[in-house]
Amino acid sequence: MKYSESLKKNRDFQLVYRNGTSFANRYLVMYVRKNQLNINRIGISVSKKVGNSVVRHHLTRLIRESYRLNEEKFSCGYDLVVIVRMNGKNQGFHSIESALLHLGKLHKILRSEENEKNIDQND
């Protein structure tokens, strides 16, 4: 992940939960909070209620990979916490990826296509 780091500390997760905004869809819940950094920090949470450790780790990898592949579409300067819902348990990569992008649109942290063209031309 070029533009991002992981959220690791419980304190950071709690700040996002308390002070961030949240949107949800069928498979995921996303909390977003602005940070003072020029990068995004992403945290992924999968409850034990969703499944055993193999299932939870698999879902974590799906979310991390779908974020990594679409990372340039997200605006920088945010802390993101993604929580997997029970319905997300049996979903494949494409369902998780589209759910993640849908939540990015709801939070208005996805860059528009015009902005992407301008960024590509400047590089």
C-alpha atoms as a PDB file:
ATOM      1  CA  MET A   1       0.000   0.000   0.000  1.00  0.00           C
ATOM      2  CA  LYS A   2       1.738   3.103  -1.294  1.00  0.00           C
ATOM      3  CA  TYR A   3      -0.334   5.820   0.328  1.00  0.00           C
ATOM      4  CA  SER A   4      -1.471   4.022   3.457  1.00  0.00           C
ATOM      5  CA  GLU A   5      -0.526   2.481   6.759  1.00  0.00           C
ATOM      6  CA  SER A   6      -2.411   0.188   9.106  1.00  0.00           C
ATOM      7  CA  LEU A   7      -4.236   1.303  12.224  1.00  0.00           C
ATOM      8  CA  LYS A   8      -2.904  -0.926  14.971  1.00  0.00           C
ATOM      9  CA  LYS A   9      -3.525   0.664  18.350  1.00  0.00           C
ATOM     10  CA  ASN A  10      -6.821   0.299  20.174  1.00  0.00           C
ATOM     11  CA  ARG A  11      -6.667   4.021  21.021  1.00  0.00           C
ATOM     12  CA  ASP A  12      -6.644   4.905  17.309  1.00  0.00           C
ATOM     13  CA  PHE A  13      -9.619   2.629  16.620  1.00  0.00           C
ATOM     14  CA  GLN A  14     -11.549   4.183  19.522  1.00  0.00           C
ATOM     15  CA  LEU A  15     -10.886   7.722  18.232  1.00  0.00           C
ATOM     16  CA  VAL A  16     -12.312   6.786  14.839  1.00  0.00           C
ATOM     17  CA  TYR A  17     -15.349   5.106  16.425  1.00  0.00           C
ATOM     18  CA  ARG A  18     -16.102   8.069  18.694  1.00  0.00           C
ATOM     19  CA  ASN A  19     -15.305  11.012  16.411  1.00  0.00           C
ATOM     20  CA  GLY A  20     -15.785   9.571  12.937  1.00  0.00           C
ATOM     21  CA  THR A  21     -18.821   9.174  10.725  1.00  0.00           C
ATOM     22  CA  SER A  22     -20.132   5.779   9.696  1.00  0.00           C
ATOM     23  CA  PHE A  23     -22.026   4.303   6.802  1.00  0.00           C
ATOM     24  CA  ALA A  24     -22.953   0.686   6.258  1.00  0.00           C
ATOM     25  CA  ASN A  25     -24.126  -1.587   3.496  1.00  0.00           C
ATOM     26  CA  ARG A  26     -25.038  -5.262   3.395  1.00  0.00           C
ATOM     27  CA  TYR A  27     -21.504  -6.609   3.950  1.00  0.00           C
ATOM     28  CA  LEU A  28     -19.391  -3.868   5.555  1.00  0.00           C
ATOM     29  CA  VAL A  29     -19.485  -0.914   7.938  1.00  0.00           C
ATOM     30  CA  MET A  30     -16.981   1.899   7.430  1.00  0.00           C
ATOM     31  CA  TYR A  31     -16.015   4.581   9.938  1.00  0.00           C
ATOM     32  CA  VAL A  32     -14.073   7.563   8.582  1.00  0.00           C
ATOM     33  CA  ARG A  33     -12.283  10.351  10.465  1.00  0.00           C
ATOM     34  CA  LYS A  34      -9.924  13.019   9.149  1.00  0.00           C
ATOM     35  CA  ASN A  35      -6.368  12.814  10.394  1.00  0.00           C
ATOM     36  CA  GLN A  36      -3.652  15.443  10.263  1.00  0.00           C
ATOM     37  CA  LEU A  37      -1.439  13.257   8.083  1.00  0.00           C
ATOM     38  CA  ASN A  38      -1.036  13.163   4.335  1.00  0.00           C
ATOM     39  CA  ILE A  39      -1.767   9.432   4.237  1.00  0.00           C
ATOM     40  CA  ASN A  40      -4.673   7.128   4.918  1.00  0.00           C
ATOM     41  CA  ARG A  41      -4.563   4.703   7.806  1.00  0.00           C
ATOM     42  CA  ILE A  42      -6.817   1.670   7.493  1.00  0.00           C
ATOM     43  CA  GLY A  43      -7.947  -0.686  10.230  1.00  0.00           C
ATOM     44  CA  ILE A  44      -9.946  -3.859   9.652  1.00  0.00           C
ATOM     45  CA  SER A  45     -12.118  -5.501  12.278  1.00  0.00           C
ATOM     46  CA  VAL A  46     -13.765  -8.918  12.015  1.00  0.00           C
ATOM     47  CA  SER A  47     -15.696 -10.188  15.028  1.00  0.00           C
ATOM     48  CA  LYS A  48     -15.452 -13.739  16.339  1.00  0.00           C
ATOM     49  CA  LYS A  49     -19.177 -13.975  15.663  1.00  0.00           C
ATOM     50  CA  VAL A  50     -18.423 -13.955  11.926  1.00  0.00           C
ATOM     51  CA  GLY A  51     -16.389 -17.158  12.000  1.00  0.00           C
ATOM     52  CA  ASN A  52     -13.271 -18.934  13.139  1.00  0.00           C
ATOM     53  CA  SER A  53      -9.781 -17.506  12.715  1.00  0.00           C
ATOM     54  CA  VAL A  54      -9.372 -18.901   9.197  1.00  0.00           C
ATOM     55  CA  VAL A  55     -12.559 -17.190   8.019  1.00  0.00           C
ATOM     56  CA  ARG A  56     -11.718 -13.928   9.797  1.00  0.00           C
ATOM     57  CA  HIS A  57      -8.206 -13.810   8.369  1.00  0.00           C
ATOM     58  CA  HIS A  58      -9.502 -14.594   4.879  1.00  0.00           C
ATOM     59  CA  LEU A  59     -11.961 -11.680   5.067  1.00  0.00           C
ATOM     60  CA  THR A  60      -9.217  -9.384   6.355  1.00  0.00           C
ATOM     61  CA  ARG A  61      -7.026 -10.292   3.380  1.00  0.00           C
ATOM     62  CA  LEU A  62      -9.920  -9.703   0.946  1.00  0.00           C
ATOM     63  CA  ILE A  63     -10.553  -6.219   2.328  1.00  0.00           C
ATOM     64  CA  ARG A  64      -6.871  -5.295   2.437  1.00  0.00           C
ATOM     65  CA  GLU A  65      -6.349  -6.460  -1.162  1.00  0.00           C
ATOM     66  CA  SER A  66      -9.447  -4.694  -2.493  1.00  0.00           C
ATOM     67  CA  TYR A  67      -8.292  -1.495  -0.777  1.00  0.00           C
ATOM     68  CA  ARG A  68      -4.749  -1.895  -2.113  1.00  0.00           C
ATOM     69  CA  LEU A  69      -5.950  -2.306  -5.701  1.00  0.00           C
ATOM     70  CA  ASN A  70      -8.219   0.769  -5.449  1.00  0.00           C
ATOM     71  CA  GLU A  71      -6.001   2.849  -3.182  1.00  0.00           C
ATOM     72  CA  GLU A  72      -5.400   5.637  -5.700  1.00  0.00           C
ATOM     73  CA  LYS A  73      -9.172   6.235  -5.894  1.00  0.00           C
ATOM     74  CA  PHE A  74      -9.354   7.235  -2.204  1.00  0.00           C
ATOM     75  CA  SER A  75      -8.568  10.778  -1.067  1.00  0.00           C
ATOM     76  CA  CYS A  76      -5.660  11.061   1.374  1.00  0.00           C
ATOM     77  CA  GLY A  77      -5.763  12.255   4.971  1.00  0.00           C
ATOM     78  CA  TYR A  78      -8.276   9.870   6.556  1.00  0.00           C
ATOM     79  CA  ASP A  79      -8.392   7.137   9.166  1.00  0.00           C
ATOM     80  CA  LEU A  80     -10.644   4.310   7.968  1.00  0.00           C
ATOM     81  CA  VAL A  81     -12.007   1.446  10.030  1.00  0.00           C
ATOM     82  CA  VAL A  82     -13.760  -1.306   8.083  1.00  0.00           C
ATOM     83  CA  ILE A  83     -15.924  -3.803   9.964  1.00  0.00           C
ATOM     84  CA  VAL A  84     -17.204  -6.989   8.358  1.00  0.00           C
ATOM     85  CA  ARG A  85     -20.837  -7.893   8.959  1.00  0.00           C
ATOM     86  CA  MET A  86     -22.196 -11.443   9.217  1.00  0.00           C
ATOM     87  CA  ASN A  87     -23.529 -11.285   5.632  1.00  0.00           C
ATOM     88  CA  GLY A  88     -19.995 -10.694   4.363  1.00  0.00           C
ATOM     89  CA  LYS A  89     -18.853 -14.095   5.582  1.00  0.00           C
ATOM     90  CA  ASN A  90     -19.598 -16.054   2.400  1.00  0.00           C
ATOM     91  CA  GLN A  91     -18.832 -13.314  -0.107  1.00  0.00           C
ATOM     92  CA  GLY A  92     -16.094 -13.346  -2.704  1.00  0.00           C
ATOM     93  CA  PHE A  93     -13.535 -10.747  -3.654  1.00  0.00           C
ATOM     94  CA  HIS A  94     -15.697  -8.811  -6.116  1.00  0.00           C
ATOM     95  CA  SER A  95     -18.606  -8.442  -3.674  1.00  0.00           C
ATOM     96  CA  ILE A  96     -16.295  -7.163  -0.939  1.00  0.00           C
ATOM     97  CA  GLU A  97     -14.529  -4.825  -3.356  1.00  0.00           C
ATOM     98  CA  SER A  98     -17.771  -3.302  -4.639  1.00  0.00           C
ATOM     99  CA  ALA A  99     -19.055  -2.926  -1.042  1.00  0.00           C
ATOM    100  CA  LEU A 100     -15.836  -1.101  -0.079  1.00  0.00           C
ATOM    101  CA  LEU A 101     -16.060   1.262  -3.064  1.00  0.00           C
ATOM    102  CA  HIS A 102     -19.754   1.864  -2.360  1.00  0.00           C
ATOM    103  CA  LEU A 103     -18.934   2.971   1.192  1.00  0.00           C
ATOM    104  CA  GLY A 104     -16.151   5.195  -0.136  1.00  0.00           C
ATOM    105  CA  LYS A 105     -18.705   6.925  -2.363  1.00  0.00           C
ATOM    106  CA  LEU A 106     -21.134   7.373   0.538  1.00  0.00           C
ATOM    107  CA  HIS A 107     -18.390   8.997   2.635  1.00  0.00           C
ATOM    108  CA  LYS A 108     -17.383  11.130  -0.377  1.00  0.00           C
ATOM    109  CA  ILE A 109     -13.737  10.129  -0.025  1.00  0.00           C
ATOM    110  CA  LEU A 110     -13.436   8.647  -3.507  1.00  0.00           C
ATOM    111  CA  ARG A 111     -11.771  10.952  -5.986  1.00  0.00           C
ATOM    112  CA  SER A 112     -13.862  11.901  -8.999  1.00  0.00           C
ATOM    113  CA  GLU A 113     -12.698  10.855 -12.445  1.00  0.00           C
ATOM    114  CA  GLU A 114     -11.903  14.453 -13.442  1.00  0.00           C
ATOM    115  CA  ASN A 115      -9.553  14.789 -10.476  1.00  0.00           C
ATOM    116  CA  GLU A 116      -7.867  11.500 -11.415  1.00  0.00           C
ATOM    117  CA  LYS A 117      -7.259  12.732 -14.971  1.00  0.00           C
ATOM    118  CA  ASN A 118      -5.698  15.952 -13.651  1.00  0.00           C
ATOM    119  CA  ILE A 119      -3.481  13.993 -11.262  1.00  0.00           C
ATOM    120  CA  ASP A 120      -2.372  11.635 -14.057  1.00  0.00           C
ATOM    121  CA  GLN A 121      -1.538  14.568 -16.327  1.00  0.00           C
ATOM    122  CA  ASN A 122       0.576  16.216 -13.633  1.00  0.00           C
ATOM    123  CA  ASP A 123       2.659  13.054 -13.085  1.00  0.00           C
END
